[in-house]
Amino acid sequence: MRAAGAAAGNSLVVDHPLSRRWRLLDLLDVLVPRNTVLVAVRCPLPELERREADSPRTWPGQGRRRTVNAPR
């Protein structure tokens, strides 16, 4: 779906956790031929859990499972 949207010339905003190397490589393979900007968003785990509790699109524990402990 994302590849088709990008190929059609649409602008995309993709909210996607890149917690595994293959996910990043897959997105780069699809999106790099186009004008692509990757943005890292970081926040403390308690803030992430507060935000997921306030959001109807997430469930308890989802943020913790998606957390990546990457060097800054």
Protein backbone atom coordinates (compact mmCIF):
# COMPACT_ATOMS: atom_id res chain seq x y z
CA MET A 1 0.00 0.00 0.00
CA ARG A 2 2.74 2.47 0.91
CA ALA A 3 4.77 1.55 -2.15
CA ALA A 4 1.77 2.05 -4.43
CA GLY A 5 0.98 5.42 -2.85
CA ALA A 6 4.57 6.60 -3.19
CA ALA A 7 4.83 5.29 -6.76
CA ALA A 8 1.68 7.24 -7.67
CA GLY A 9 3.39 10.43 -6.54
CA ASN A 10 1.44 10.86 -3.31
CA SER A 11 3.02 12.43 -0.25
CA LEU A 12 3.12 9.97 2.63
CA VAL A 13 3.47 10.34 6.37
CA VAL A 14 4.23 6.94 7.81
CA ASP A 15 4.09 6.40 11.56
CA HIS A 16 6.08 3.20 11.73
CA PRO A 17 8.38 1.88 14.45
CA LEU A 18 11.66 0.81 12.90
CA SER A 19 12.48 -1.60 15.69
CA ARG A 20 14.00 -4.22 13.42
CA ARG A 21 16.72 -3.71 10.81
CA TRP A 22 14.71 -5.47 8.08
CA ARG A 23 11.84 -3.00 8.55
CA LEU A 24 14.14 -0.06 7.98
CA LEU A 25 15.73 -1.71 4.93
CA ASP A 26 12.29 -2.51 3.50
CA LEU A 27 11.10 1.09 3.84
CA LEU A 28 14.34 2.43 2.39
CA ASP A 29 14.00 0.09 -0.58
CA VAL A 30 10.48 1.37 -1.24
CA LEU A 31 10.88 5.07 -0.43
CA VAL A 32 14.47 6.16 -1.10
CA PRO A 33 14.01 6.69 -4.85
CA ARG A 34 11.60 9.44 -3.80
CA ASN A 35 12.12 12.50 -1.63
CA THR A 36 12.30 10.80 1.78
CA VAL A 37 12.87 12.18 5.26
CA LEU A 38 13.20 9.85 8.25
CA VAL A 39 12.49 11.40 11.65
CA ALA A 40 13.35 9.84 15.00
CA VAL A 41 10.98 10.55 17.85
CA ARG A 42 12.16 9.85 21.36
CA CYS A 43 10.52 10.27 24.73
CA PRO A 44 10.80 8.66 28.16
CA LEU A 45 8.86 5.42 28.59
CA PRO A 46 6.48 6.91 31.21
CA GLU A 47 5.49 9.64 28.72
CA LEU A 48 5.00 7.05 25.98
CA GLU A 49 2.75 5.02 28.28
CA ARG A 50 0.77 8.14 29.24
CA ARG A 51 0.22 8.99 25.58
CA GLU A 52 -0.87 5.48 24.66
CA ALA A 53 -3.36 5.50 27.56
CA ASP A 54 -4.89 8.69 26.11
CA SER A 55 -5.06 7.37 22.55
CA PRO A 56 -7.96 5.30 21.19
CA ARG A 57 -5.57 3.86 18.56
CA THR A 58 -3.28 2.03 21.01
CA TRP A 59 -3.60 -0.59 23.72
CA PRO A 60 -1.76 -1.00 27.04
CA GLY A 61 1.81 -2.24 26.59
CA GLN A 62 2.05 -1.45 22.88
CA GLY A 63 4.57 1.35 23.42
CA ARG A 64 6.77 -0.75 25.68
CA ARG A 65 6.87 -3.54 23.07
CA ARG A 66 7.87 -1.05 20.36
CA THR A 67 10.55 0.65 22.42
CA VAL A 68 13.99 0.55 20.88
CA ASN A 69 16.98 1.17 23.10
CA ALA A 70 19.16 2.90 20.55
CA PRO A 71 22.21 4.98 21.31
CA ARG A 72 21.61 8.72 21.09
